[in-house]
Amino acid sequence: MCGDKMGFMQRSLYIAVTIAAVSLVASCGESTSPFSEAEISAHRTHWTQRAPAAYEYDYRVTGFFISFVGHDIHLVVRDGVVRSATDVATGAPMAGQLTQWPTIAALFDEVAQAADAGMLRSVRFDPVLEYPTEFDLDGPPDASGSVFATGLRVLP
């Protein structure tokens, strides 16, 4: 339980430190991010207009030094809150607080923060609902990696 929470906290800390470091460097010059705030905002607006009240998707992180790296985690979200997180391979519930797992809105927040800091290497959006399905973060070795959100299904 504590290990998974620490893993999420470590990943969040690595991302925050990397964003802060890159922001400091970027503030001395032009932003290196090829993704504009307006472009990301437009995708977020489309998602918000179409966002289902209940959905599920598989979440996967690679490259960060966290306990659940490389695991597919099945998330169920209702009314903007993650209600369950299950390891796809084992079917076991993930230990720790459910608040550690991201909704699609939280993924948009990560994409926007990374773009602002110039550490967003790439981002792909779903062609229909326009949520981020994959984004790659550039940073120090322990803060570089990819985040995947796949198989989103609307729930009744």
Protein backbone atom coordinates (compact mmCIF):
# COMPACT_ATOMS: atom_id res chain seq x y z
CA MET A 1 0.00 0.00 0.00
CA CYS A 2 2.62 2.50 1.07
CA GLY A 3 4.95 1.48 -1.79
CA ASP A 4 2.43 2.35 -4.50
CA LYS A 5 1.63 5.66 -2.85
CA MET A 6 5.34 6.40 -2.56
CA GLY A 7 5.78 5.45 -6.23
CA PHE A 8 3.15 7.94 -7.29
CA MET A 9 4.57 10.57 -4.96
CA GLN A 10 8.08 9.94 -6.32
CA ARG A 11 6.85 10.26 -9.91
CA SER A 12 5.00 13.45 -9.06
CA LEU A 13 8.07 14.83 -7.33
CA TYR A 14 10.33 13.96 -10.27
CA ILE A 15 7.90 15.62 -12.68
CA ALA A 16 7.56 18.71 -10.48
CA VAL A 17 11.33 19.07 -10.02
CA THR A 18 11.96 18.58 -13.72
CA ILE A 19 9.26 21.09 -14.66
CA ALA A 20 10.72 23.61 -12.22
CA ALA A 21 14.26 23.11 -13.53
CA VAL A 22 13.25 23.31 -17.17
CA SER A 23 11.03 26.32 -16.43
CA LEU A 24 13.98 28.14 -14.90
CA VAL A 25 16.12 27.47 -17.96
CA ALA A 26 13.25 28.25 -20.38
CA SER A 27 12.54 31.54 -18.66
CA CYS A 28 15.96 32.72 -19.82
CA GLY A 29 15.02 32.13 -23.47
CA GLU A 30 12.27 30.95 -25.74
CA SER A 31 10.14 27.96 -24.87
CA THR A 32 11.39 24.76 -26.46
CA SER A 33 7.98 23.08 -26.49
CA PRO A 34 6.49 22.53 -29.94
CA PHE A 35 3.00 22.42 -28.40
CA SER A 36 1.18 25.65 -27.80
CA GLU A 37 -1.03 26.31 -24.82
CA ALA A 38 -3.82 27.15 -27.29
CA GLU A 39 -3.51 23.77 -29.04
CA ILE A 40 -3.66 21.83 -25.78
CA SER A 41 -6.48 24.04 -24.53
CA ALA A 42 -8.49 23.37 -27.70
CA HIS A 43 -8.18 19.60 -27.16
CA ARG A 44 -9.16 20.03 -23.51
CA THR A 45 -12.22 22.06 -24.52
CA HIS A 46 -13.32 19.35 -26.95
CA TRP A 47 -12.80 16.69 -24.27
CA THR A 48 -14.75 18.73 -21.70
CA GLN A 49 -17.65 19.19 -24.12
CA ARG A 50 -17.82 15.45 -24.84
CA ALA A 51 -16.52 13.99 -21.58
CA PRO A 52 -18.68 11.18 -20.27
CA ALA A 53 -19.73 11.23 -16.61
CA ALA A 54 -18.41 7.69 -16.26
CA TYR A 55 -15.60 6.01 -18.15
CA GLU A 56 -12.81 3.49 -17.82
CA TYR A 57 -9.38 3.35 -19.37
CA ASP A 58 -6.00 1.65 -19.05
CA TYR A 59 -3.13 3.73 -17.70
CA ARG A 60 0.53 2.88 -18.20
CA VAL A 61 3.72 4.73 -17.34
CA THR A 62 7.18 3.90 -18.65
CA GLY A 63 10.60 5.32 -17.87
CA PHE A 64 10.11 6.76 -14.38
CA PHE A 65 11.58 5.11 -11.28
CA ILE A 66 8.30 4.22 -9.60
CA SER A 67 6.87 0.97 -8.30
CA PHE A 68 4.17 0.53 -10.94
CA VAL A 69 6.25 1.42 -14.01
CA GLY A 70 5.36 -0.80 -16.95
CA HIS A 71 2.16 -2.10 -15.37
CA ASP A 72 -1.18 -1.61 -17.06
CA ILE A 73 -3.59 -0.16 -14.51
CA HIS A 74 -7.32 -0.27 -15.29
CA LEU A 75 -9.02 2.85 -13.93
CA VAL A 76 -12.74 3.46 -13.51
CA VAL A 77 -13.79 7.10 -13.22
CA ARG A 78 -17.24 8.33 -12.20
CA ASP A 79 -18.22 11.97 -11.74
CA GLY A 80 -14.61 13.12 -12.07
CA VAL A 81 -13.26 10.79 -9.37
CA VAL A 82 -11.27 7.55 -9.77
CA ARG A 83 -13.43 4.85 -8.18
CA SER A 84 -11.18 1.82 -8.76
CA ALA A 85 -7.66 0.97 -9.90
CA THR A 86 -6.83 -2.61 -10.84
CA ASP A 87 -3.65 -4.24 -12.12
CA VAL A 88 -4.67 -5.60 -15.53
CA ALA A 89 -2.22 -8.55 -15.41
CA THR A 90 -3.24 -9.85 -11.99
CA GLY A 91 -6.75 -8.47 -11.54
CA ALA A 92 -5.72 -7.31 -8.07
CA PRO A 93 -6.75 -3.89 -6.80
CA MET A 94 -3.86 -1.43 -6.64
CA ALA A 95 -2.81 -0.57 -3.11
CA GLY A 96 -2.95 2.97 -1.82
CA GLN A 97 -5.29 5.88 -2.18
CA LEU A 98 -7.42 6.10 -5.32
CA THR A 99 -6.60 9.81 -5.48
CA GLN A 100 -3.11 8.87 -6.65
CA TRP A 101 -4.46 7.78 -10.04
CA PRO A 102 -5.24 10.33 -12.76
CA THR A 103 -8.54 11.16 -14.35
CA ILE A 104 -8.36 12.38 -17.95
CA ALA A 105 -8.60 15.94 -16.61
CA ALA A 106 -5.48 15.29 -14.52
CA LEU A 107 -3.66 13.98 -17.60
CA PHE A 108 -4.48 17.24 -19.37
CA ASP A 109 -2.99 19.10 -16.39
CA GLU A 110 0.25 17.09 -16.70
CA VAL A 111 0.44 17.75 -20.45
CA ALA A 112 -0.12 21.49 -20.00
CA GLN A 113 2.46 21.75 -17.19
CA ALA A 114 5.04 19.82 -19.20
CA ALA A 115 4.41 21.98 -22.29
CA ASP A 116 4.74 25.17 -20.23
CA ALA A 117 8.06 23.89 -18.88
CA GLY A 118 9.35 22.92 -22.33
CA MET A 119 9.65 19.25 -21.39
CA LEU A 120 6.77 17.87 -23.50
CA ARG A 121 8.51 15.92 -26.25
CA SER A 122 5.34 14.69 -27.95
CA VAL A 123 1.64 14.23 -27.34
CA ARG A 124 -1.06 12.30 -29.17
CA PHE A 125 -4.78 12.85 -28.77
CA ASP A 126 -7.73 10.55 -29.37
CA PRO A 127 -9.28 11.48 -32.74
CA VAL A 128 -12.86 11.48 -31.39
CA LEU A 129 -12.84 12.50 -27.72
CA GLU A 130 -9.52 14.39 -28.00
CA TYR A 131 -8.05 13.28 -24.67
CA PRO A 132 -4.27 12.66 -24.46
CA THR A 133 -3.59 9.01 -25.31
CA GLU A 134 0.20 9.26 -25.10
CA PHE A 135 2.67 11.88 -24.06
CA ASP A 136 6.42 11.77 -23.73
CA LEU A 137 8.31 13.84 -21.19
CA ASP A 138 11.90 14.95 -21.58
CA GLY A 139 14.03 15.52 -18.54
CA PRO A 140 16.78 13.97 -16.48
CA PRO A 141 16.94 10.17 -16.75
CA ASP A 142 14.85 9.67 -13.63
CA ALA A 143 12.20 12.13 -14.83
CA SER A 144 11.88 11.15 -18.49
CA GLY A 145 9.29 8.73 -19.72
CA SER A 146 5.96 8.18 -21.36
CA VAL A 147 2.38 8.10 -20.16
CA PHE A 148 -0.31 6.12 -21.97
CA ALA A 149 -4.10 6.30 -21.63
CA THR A 150 -5.71 3.68 -23.86
CA GLY A 151 -8.93 1.80 -24.38
CA LEU A 152 -11.25 4.48 -23.01
CA ARG A 153 -14.81 3.21 -22.82
CA VAL A 154 -17.88 5.13 -21.78
CA LEU A 155 -19.71 3.48 -18.87
CA PRO A 156 -23.45 3.59 -18.20
